[in-house]
Amino acid sequence: MSHNTTEIIVGGIVLAAAIGFGVYAGQATGLSRDGGGYELHASFRSLEGINVGTDVRLAGVKIGTVTEVDLNPETYRADTTFTVRQGIDVPDDSAVVISSEGLLGGNFVEVMPGGSPFFFDPGDEVEDTQGAVSLISLLVKFVTASGVGE
């Protein structure tokens, strides 16, 4: 059984590159779990544009990731679980808002810190939330409101 050493070397390089790309893609998209965070929960009226893996940001800096999204059949709200990086204490009067990166950008979860000297414990629920605002709904309201007075 004769093996061509060039084929074996090239195959090994291709396999190593594929593994390296897979690891890089997992880290870049936030799919890898570093286990260095704690979970918080929030309930939103509208979670448009937010999925598992979406960034959680504070002051524009990524501090965590959305880990679970589910519809509450009793309240008809979107129950969300997200992680916050260990070492970042979120004041217990903070708000969690669905924000947009711009007119054509995607949405992300933004933590708006409060001024309380007390912090959320792992597993706590953030009560102060604001859901996603639909740009199309705003445009429709604007167009219909401007045509009423004519």
N, C-alpha and C. Protein backbone atom coordinates (compact mmCIF):
# COMPACT_ATOMS: atom_id res chain seq x y z
N MET A 1 0.84 -1.16 0.00
CA MET A 1 0.00 0.00 0.00
C MET A 1 0.89 1.23 0.00
N SER A 2 0.87 1.93 -1.09
CA SER A 2 1.75 3.08 -1.27
C SER A 2 0.95 4.38 -1.12
N HIS A 3 1.45 5.26 -0.23
CA HIS A 3 0.82 6.56 -0.02
C HIS A 3 1.71 7.64 -0.59
N ASN A 4 1.10 8.56 -1.24
CA ASN A 4 1.83 9.69 -1.76
C ASN A 4 1.96 10.70 -0.62
N THR A 5 3.17 10.97 -0.17
CA THR A 5 3.39 11.86 0.98
C THR A 5 2.90 13.27 0.72
N THR A 6 2.94 13.72 -0.50
CA THR A 6 2.44 15.06 -0.82
C THR A 6 0.94 15.14 -0.56
N GLU A 7 0.19 14.10 -0.94
CA GLU A 7 -1.25 14.08 -0.71
C GLU A 7 -1.57 14.08 0.79
N ILE A 8 -0.80 13.36 1.56
CA ILE A 8 -1.01 13.29 3.00
C ILE A 8 -0.73 14.65 3.65
N ILE A 9 0.35 15.30 3.24
CA ILE A 9 0.69 16.61 3.80
C ILE A 9 -0.35 17.65 3.44
N VAL A 10 -0.78 17.68 2.17
CA VAL A 10 -1.79 18.64 1.73
C VAL A 10 -3.13 18.37 2.45
N GLY A 11 -3.50 17.12 2.60
CA GLY A 11 -4.72 16.76 3.32
C GLY A 11 -4.67 17.21 4.77
N GLY A 12 -3.51 17.04 5.41
CA GLY A 12 -3.36 17.49 6.80
C GLY A 12 -3.47 19.00 6.93
N ILE A 13 -2.90 19.73 5.99
CA ILE A 13 -2.98 21.19 6.01
C ILE A 13 -4.43 21.65 5.80
N VAL A 14 -5.13 21.02 4.87
CA VAL A 14 -6.53 21.38 4.63
C VAL A 14 -7.38 21.08 5.86
N LEU A 15 -7.15 19.94 6.50
CA LEU A 15 -7.89 19.58 7.71
C LEU A 15 -7.60 20.56 8.85
N ALA A 16 -6.34 20.94 9.03
CA ALA A 16 -5.98 21.90 10.08
C ALA A 16 -6.61 23.26 9.80
N ALA A 17 -6.62 23.69 8.55
CA ALA A 17 -7.24 24.97 8.19
C ALA A 17 -8.74 24.94 8.45
N ALA A 18 -9.39 23.82 8.14
CA ALA A 18 -10.83 23.70 8.37
C ALA A 18 -11.15 23.75 9.86
N ILE A 19 -10.38 23.09 10.68
CA ILE A 19 -10.58 23.12 12.13
C ILE A 19 -10.35 24.53 12.67
N GLY A 20 -9.28 25.18 12.22
CA GLY A 20 -9.00 26.54 12.65
C GLY A 20 -10.11 27.50 12.26
N PHE A 21 -10.63 27.36 11.04
CA PHE A 21 -11.74 28.22 10.61
C PHE A 21 -12.98 27.96 11.45
N GLY A 22 -13.27 26.72 11.76
CA GLY A 22 -14.43 26.39 12.59
C GLY A 22 -14.34 27.00 13.98
N VAL A 23 -13.17 26.93 14.59
CA VAL A 23 -12.97 27.53 15.91
C VAL A 23 -13.11 29.04 15.84
N TYR A 24 -12.52 29.66 14.84
CA TYR A 24 -12.61 31.11 14.67
C TYR A 24 -14.06 31.54 14.46
N ALA A 25 -14.79 30.84 13.60
CA ALA A 25 -16.19 31.19 13.32
C ALA A 25 -17.03 31.06 14.58
N GLY A 26 -16.80 30.03 15.37
CA GLY A 26 -17.55 29.86 16.62
C GLY A 26 -17.29 30.98 17.60
N GLN A 27 -16.07 31.43 17.71
CA GLN A 27 -15.74 32.52 18.62
C GLN A 27 -16.26 33.86 18.10
N ALA A 28 -16.17 34.08 16.81
CA ALA A 28 -16.60 35.35 16.23
C ALA A 28 -18.11 35.54 16.31
N THR A 29 -18.87 34.45 16.22
CA THR A 29 -20.33 34.55 16.26
C THR A 29 -20.88 34.39 17.67
N GLY A 30 -20.03 34.12 18.63
CA GLY A 30 -20.49 34.00 20.01
C GLY A 30 -21.08 32.65 20.33
N LEU A 31 -20.85 31.65 19.48
CA LEU A 31 -21.41 30.33 19.73
C LEU A 31 -20.64 29.56 20.78
N SER A 32 -19.40 29.92 20.98
CA SER A 32 -18.61 29.21 21.98
C SER A 32 -18.98 29.73 23.37
N ARG A 33 -19.06 28.85 24.32
CA ARG A 33 -19.39 29.24 25.69
C ARG A 33 -18.11 29.27 26.50
N ASP A 34 -17.83 30.45 27.06
CA ASP A 34 -16.64 30.56 27.87
C ASP A 34 -16.94 30.27 29.33
N GLY A 35 -18.23 30.18 29.69
CA GLY A 35 -18.61 29.82 31.05
C GLY A 35 -18.26 30.89 32.07
N GLY A 36 -17.83 32.07 31.62
CA GLY A 36 -17.41 33.11 32.54
C GLY A 36 -18.46 34.17 32.75
N GLY A 37 -19.75 33.81 32.70
CA GLY A 37 -20.78 34.81 32.85
C GLY A 37 -21.92 34.32 33.72
N TYR A 38 -22.90 35.21 33.91
CA TYR A 38 -24.07 34.84 34.69
C TYR A 38 -25.31 35.23 33.89
N GLU A 39 -26.43 34.55 34.18
CA GLU A 39 -27.65 34.75 33.43
C GLU A 39 -28.57 35.77 34.10
N LEU A 40 -29.24 36.54 33.25
CA LEU A 40 -30.33 37.42 33.68
C LEU A 40 -31.52 37.15 32.75
N HIS A 41 -32.72 37.48 33.21
CA HIS A 41 -33.93 37.26 32.44
C HIS A 41 -34.65 38.58 32.23
N ALA A 42 -35.39 38.66 31.11
CA ALA A 42 -36.19 39.84 30.82
C ALA A 42 -37.36 39.41 29.95
N SER A 43 -38.45 40.17 30.03
CA SER A 43 -39.65 39.87 29.24
C SER A 43 -39.98 41.10 28.40
N PHE A 44 -40.18 40.89 27.09
CA PHE A 44 -40.40 42.00 26.16
C PHE A 44 -41.75 41.87 25.46
N ARG A 45 -42.34 43.01 25.13
CA ARG A 45 -43.56 43.03 24.33
C ARG A 45 -43.26 42.59 22.90
N SER A 46 -42.15 43.06 22.37
CA SER A 46 -41.74 42.71 21.01
C SER A 46 -40.23 42.47 20.99
N LEU A 47 -39.85 41.37 20.39
CA LEU A 47 -38.43 41.00 20.34
C LEU A 47 -37.95 40.92 18.89
N GLU A 48 -38.53 41.74 18.04
CA GLU A 48 -38.24 41.72 16.62
C GLU A 48 -36.75 41.92 16.34
N GLY A 49 -36.17 41.00 15.58
CA GLY A 49 -34.76 41.10 15.20
C GLY A 49 -33.79 40.52 16.20
N ILE A 50 -34.28 39.93 17.30
CA ILE A 50 -33.41 39.35 18.32
C ILE A 50 -33.55 37.84 18.28
N ASN A 51 -32.43 37.15 18.24
CA ASN A 51 -32.39 35.69 18.24
C ASN A 51 -31.34 35.21 19.23
N VAL A 52 -31.29 33.91 19.43
CA VAL A 52 -30.23 33.33 20.25
C VAL A 52 -28.90 33.66 19.57
N GLY A 53 -27.95 34.18 20.33
CA GLY A 53 -26.65 34.56 19.79
C GLY A 53 -26.51 36.05 19.55
N THR A 54 -27.60 36.80 19.68
CA THR A 54 -27.54 38.26 19.50
C THR A 54 -26.72 38.89 20.62
N ASP A 55 -25.98 39.94 20.28
CA ASP A 55 -25.14 40.64 21.26
C ASP A 55 -25.96 41.33 22.34
N VAL A 56 -25.41 41.34 23.55
CA VAL A 56 -25.90 42.18 24.64
C VAL A 56 -24.80 43.20 24.87
N ARG A 57 -25.15 44.50 24.80
CA ARG A 57 -24.14 45.56 24.89
C ARG A 57 -24.46 46.55 26.01
N LEU A 58 -23.41 47.11 26.54
CA LEU A 58 -23.52 48.20 27.50
C LEU A 58 -22.54 49.27 27.04
N ALA A 59 -23.00 50.47 26.80
CA ALA A 59 -22.18 51.57 26.29
C ALA A 59 -21.50 51.20 24.97
N GLY A 60 -22.18 50.38 24.17
CA GLY A 60 -21.65 49.98 22.87
C GLY A 60 -20.66 48.84 22.90
N VAL A 61 -20.35 48.31 24.09
CA VAL A 61 -19.38 47.23 24.24
C VAL A 61 -20.12 45.93 24.50
N LYS A 62 -19.76 44.89 23.77
CA LYS A 62 -20.41 43.60 23.97
C LYS A 62 -20.05 43.04 25.35
N ILE A 63 -21.09 42.78 26.15
CA ILE A 63 -20.87 42.22 27.49
C ILE A 63 -21.53 40.86 27.66
N GLY A 64 -22.22 40.39 26.62
CA GLY A 64 -22.89 39.11 26.74
C GLY A 64 -23.62 38.73 25.48
N THR A 65 -24.45 37.68 25.61
CA THR A 65 -25.15 37.11 24.47
C THR A 65 -26.53 36.63 24.90
N VAL A 66 -27.49 36.73 24.00
CA VAL A 66 -28.82 36.17 24.24
C VAL A 66 -28.69 34.65 24.12
N THR A 67 -29.14 33.93 25.15
CA THR A 67 -29.00 32.47 25.16
C THR A 67 -30.31 31.72 24.98
N GLU A 68 -31.44 32.40 25.24
CA GLU A 68 -32.72 31.71 25.10
C GLU A 68 -33.83 32.73 24.84
N VAL A 69 -34.74 32.36 23.93
CA VAL A 69 -35.89 33.18 23.60
C VAL A 69 -37.09 32.26 23.54
N ASP A 70 -38.17 32.62 24.26
CA ASP A 70 -39.35 31.77 24.27
C ASP A 70 -40.59 32.64 24.46
N LEU A 71 -41.71 32.21 23.89
CA LEU A 71 -42.97 32.92 24.06
C LEU A 71 -43.67 32.42 25.31
N ASN A 72 -44.06 33.36 26.17
CA ASN A 72 -44.82 33.01 27.37
C ASN A 72 -46.29 32.91 26.96
N PRO A 73 -46.90 31.71 27.02
CA PRO A 73 -48.28 31.55 26.55
C PRO A 73 -49.32 32.23 27.44
N GLU A 74 -48.95 32.61 28.65
CA GLU A 74 -49.90 33.26 29.55
C GLU A 74 -49.91 34.78 29.36
N THR A 75 -48.74 35.38 29.15
CA THR A 75 -48.66 36.84 29.02
C THR A 75 -48.51 37.29 27.57
N TYR A 76 -48.22 36.36 26.66
CA TYR A 76 -47.96 36.66 25.25
C TYR A 76 -46.80 37.64 25.09
N ARG A 77 -45.82 37.49 25.94
CA ARG A 77 -44.60 38.30 25.87
C ARG A 77 -43.43 37.37 25.55
N ALA A 78 -42.37 37.94 25.04
CA ALA A 78 -41.17 37.18 24.71
C ALA A 78 -40.25 37.12 25.93
N ASP A 79 -40.16 35.96 26.54
CA ASP A 79 -39.27 35.77 27.68
C ASP A 79 -37.87 35.47 27.15
N THR A 80 -36.90 36.20 27.66
CA THR A 80 -35.54 36.15 27.15
C THR A 80 -34.55 35.89 28.28
N THR A 81 -33.57 35.06 28.00
CA THR A 81 -32.47 34.83 28.92
C THR A 81 -31.19 35.27 28.22
N PHE A 82 -30.35 36.01 28.93
CA PHE A 82 -29.08 36.44 28.34
C PHE A 82 -27.99 36.35 29.40
N THR A 83 -26.76 36.21 28.92
CA THR A 83 -25.62 36.15 29.82
C THR A 83 -24.93 37.50 29.86
N VAL A 84 -24.32 37.76 31.00
CA VAL A 84 -23.49 38.95 31.18
C VAL A 84 -22.12 38.47 31.63
N ARG A 85 -21.09 39.00 31.01
CA ARG A 85 -19.72 38.60 31.31
C ARG A 85 -19.40 38.77 32.80
N GLN A 86 -18.73 37.79 33.35
CA GLN A 86 -18.32 37.84 34.76
C GLN A 86 -17.46 39.07 35.00
N GLY A 87 -17.67 39.72 36.14
CA GLY A 87 -16.91 40.92 36.47
C GLY A 87 -17.64 42.20 36.13
N ILE A 88 -18.76 42.09 35.39
CA ILE A 88 -19.56 43.27 35.07
C ILE A 88 -20.82 43.20 35.92
N ASP A 89 -20.93 44.10 36.88
CA ASP A 89 -22.09 44.15 37.76
C ASP A 89 -23.10 45.14 37.19
N VAL A 90 -24.32 44.66 36.97
CA VAL A 90 -25.38 45.49 36.42
C VAL A 90 -26.25 46.01 37.57
N PRO A 91 -26.37 47.35 37.73
CA PRO A 91 -27.21 47.90 38.81
C PRO A 91 -28.65 47.38 38.71
N ASP A 92 -29.28 47.16 39.86
CA ASP A 92 -30.61 46.53 39.86
C ASP A 92 -31.75 47.47 39.45
N ASP A 93 -31.45 48.71 39.10
CA ASP A 93 -32.47 49.60 38.54
C ASP A 93 -32.21 49.87 37.06
N SER A 94 -31.42 49.02 36.43
CA SER A 94 -31.10 49.18 35.01
C SER A 94 -32.28 48.78 34.14
N ALA A 95 -32.27 49.29 32.91
CA ALA A 95 -33.28 48.93 31.92
C ALA A 95 -32.61 48.12 30.82
N VAL A 96 -33.39 47.26 30.19
CA VAL A 96 -32.90 46.49 29.04
C VAL A 96 -33.79 46.85 27.86
N VAL A 97 -33.15 47.31 26.77
CA VAL A 97 -33.86 47.88 25.63
C VAL A 97 -33.40 47.17 24.36
N ILE A 98 -34.33 46.96 23.43
CA ILE A 98 -33.96 46.47 22.11
C ILE A 98 -33.58 47.69 21.27
N SER A 99 -32.34 47.75 20.84
CA SER A 99 -31.83 48.90 20.08
C SER A 99 -31.45 48.46 18.67
N SER A 100 -31.33 49.43 17.80
CA SER A 100 -30.96 49.18 16.41
C SER A 100 -29.60 49.79 16.14
N GLU A 101 -28.84 49.14 15.27
CA GLU A 101 -27.51 49.64 14.91
C GLU A 101 -27.57 50.78 13.93
N GLY A 102 -28.72 51.07 13.42
CA GLY A 102 -28.89 52.15 12.45
C GLY A 102 -30.11 51.87 11.61
N LEU A 103 -30.29 52.66 10.57
CA LEU A 103 -31.47 52.52 9.73
C LEU A 103 -31.55 51.15 9.07
N LEU A 104 -30.43 50.65 8.60
CA LEU A 104 -30.41 49.35 7.93
C LEU A 104 -29.70 48.28 8.74
N GLY A 105 -29.24 48.62 9.93
CA GLY A 105 -28.51 47.65 10.75
C GLY A 105 -29.43 46.72 11.51
N GLY A 106 -28.84 45.71 12.12
CA GLY A 106 -29.59 44.76 12.90
C GLY A 106 -29.87 45.28 14.31
N ASN A 107 -30.65 44.51 15.05
CA ASN A 107 -30.98 44.86 16.42
C ASN A 107 -30.05 44.16 17.41
N PHE A 108 -29.95 44.71 18.60
CA PHE A 108 -29.19 44.10 19.68
C PHE A 108 -29.85 44.46 21.00
N VAL A 109 -29.47 43.77 22.06
CA VAL A 109 -30.01 44.04 23.39
C VAL A 109 -29.05 45.00 24.08
N GLU A 110 -29.59 46.13 24.53
CA GLU A 110 -28.76 47.15 25.18
C GLU A 110 -29.13 47.26 26.65
N VAL A 111 -28.14 47.22 27.52
CA VAL A 111 -28.35 47.43 28.94
C VAL A 111 -28.10 48.90 29.23
N MET A 112 -29.13 49.55 29.79
CA MET A 112 -29.03 50.96 30.16
C MET A 112 -28.86 51.00 31.68
N PRO A 113 -27.63 51.21 32.15
CA PRO A 113 -27.37 51.09 33.59
C PRO A 113 -28.06 52.18 34.41
N GLY A 114 -28.53 51.79 35.58
CA GLY A 114 -29.12 52.74 36.50
C GLY A 114 -28.07 53.24 37.48
N GLY A 115 -28.51 53.89 38.52
CA GLY A 115 -27.57 54.46 39.48
C GLY A 115 -27.59 53.78 40.84
N SER A 116 -28.25 52.65 40.95
CA SER A 116 -28.37 51.97 42.23
C SER A 116 -27.02 51.42 42.70
N PRO A 117 -26.78 51.44 44.00
CA PRO A 117 -25.56 50.83 44.53
C PRO A 117 -25.68 49.31 44.66
N PHE A 118 -26.87 48.76 44.36
CA PHE A 118 -27.10 47.32 44.45
C PHE A 118 -27.14 46.73 43.05
N PHE A 119 -26.77 45.47 42.92
CA PHE A 119 -26.64 44.84 41.61
C PHE A 119 -27.53 43.62 41.49
N PHE A 120 -27.83 43.25 40.22
CA PHE A 120 -28.58 42.03 39.96
C PHE A 120 -27.75 40.82 40.38
N ASP A 121 -28.42 39.84 40.95
CA ASP A 121 -27.79 38.56 41.25
C ASP A 121 -28.03 37.63 40.05
N PRO A 122 -27.17 36.62 39.87
CA PRO A 122 -27.41 35.66 38.78
C PRO A 122 -28.81 35.07 38.87
N GLY A 123 -29.51 35.05 37.72
CA GLY A 123 -30.85 34.49 37.66
C GLY A 123 -31.96 35.49 37.90
N ASP A 124 -31.64 36.73 38.26
CA ASP A 124 -32.66 37.75 38.50
C ASP A 124 -33.35 38.14 37.20
N GLU A 125 -34.53 38.76 37.34
CA GLU A 125 -35.26 39.25 36.18
C GLU A 125 -35.22 40.77 36.16
N VAL A 126 -34.91 41.31 34.99
CA VAL A 126 -34.92 42.76 34.78
C VAL A 126 -36.36 43.15 34.47
N GLU A 127 -36.94 44.01 35.30
CA GLU A 127 -38.34 44.40 35.15
C GLU A 127 -38.53 45.53 34.14
N ASP A 128 -37.57 46.44 34.06
CA ASP A 128 -37.68 47.61 33.19
C ASP A 128 -37.17 47.26 31.80
N THR A 129 -38.09 46.98 30.87
CA THR A 129 -37.71 46.59 29.51
C THR A 129 -38.46 47.44 28.49
N GLN A 130 -37.87 47.56 27.32
CA GLN A 130 -38.53 48.23 26.20
C GLN A 130 -38.29 47.39 24.96
N GLY A 131 -39.36 46.97 24.32
CA GLY A 131 -39.26 46.11 23.15
C GLY A 131 -38.81 46.84 21.90
N ALA A 132 -38.75 46.09 20.83
CA ALA A 132 -38.32 46.64 19.54
C ALA A 132 -39.39 47.58 18.99
N VAL A 133 -38.95 48.65 18.36
CA VAL A 133 -39.84 49.59 17.69
C VAL A 133 -39.75 49.30 16.20
N SER A 134 -40.88 49.01 15.59
CA SER A 134 -40.92 48.70 14.16
C SER A 134 -40.86 49.98 13.34
N LEU A 135 -39.85 50.08 12.50
CA LEU A 135 -39.69 51.26 11.65
C LEU A 135 -40.85 51.39 10.67
N ILE A 136 -41.35 50.26 10.17
CA ILE A 136 -42.47 50.29 9.22
C ILE A 136 -43.73 50.82 9.90
N SER A 137 -43.98 50.38 11.14
CA SER A 137 -45.15 50.88 11.89
C SER A 137 -45.05 52.39 12.10
N LEU A 138 -43.87 52.87 12.44
CA LEU A 138 -43.69 54.31 12.62
C LEU A 138 -43.94 55.08 11.32
N LEU A 139 -43.44 54.55 10.20
CA LEU A 139 -43.66 55.21 8.92
C LEU A 139 -45.14 55.23 8.54
N VAL A 140 -45.86 54.13 8.78
CA VAL A 140 -47.28 54.07 8.47
C VAL A 140 -48.04 55.09 9.31
N LYS A 141 -47.72 55.18 10.60
CA LYS A 141 -48.38 56.17 11.47
C LYS A 141 -48.10 57.59 11.00
N PHE A 142 -46.86 57.85 10.59
CA PHE A 142 -46.50 59.17 10.10
C PHE A 142 -47.25 59.53 8.84
N VAL A 143 -47.31 58.59 7.90
CA VAL A 143 -47.98 58.85 6.61
C VAL A 143 -49.47 59.04 6.81
N THR A 144 -50.09 58.21 7.61
CA THR A 144 -51.55 58.33 7.82
C THR A 144 -51.87 59.57 8.64
N ALA A 145 -51.03 59.95 9.58
CA ALA A 145 -51.28 61.16 10.39
C ALA A 145 -51.12 62.43 9.57
N SER A 146 -50.17 62.43 8.62
CA SER A 146 -49.94 63.64 7.83
C SER A 146 -51.04 63.84 6.79
N GLY A 147 -51.73 62.78 6.39
CA GLY A 147 -52.79 62.91 5.40
C GLY A 147 -54.13 63.27 6.00
N VAL A 148 -54.28 63.25 7.31
CA VAL A 148 -55.57 63.50 7.96
C VAL A 148 -55.96 64.96 7.88
N GLY A 149 -55.02 65.87 8.03
CA GLY A 149 -55.31 67.29 8.08
C GLY A 149 -55.55 67.93 6.73
N GLU A 150 -55.38 67.24 5.65
CA GLU A 150 -55.49 67.83 4.32
C GLU A 150 -56.90 67.83 3.81
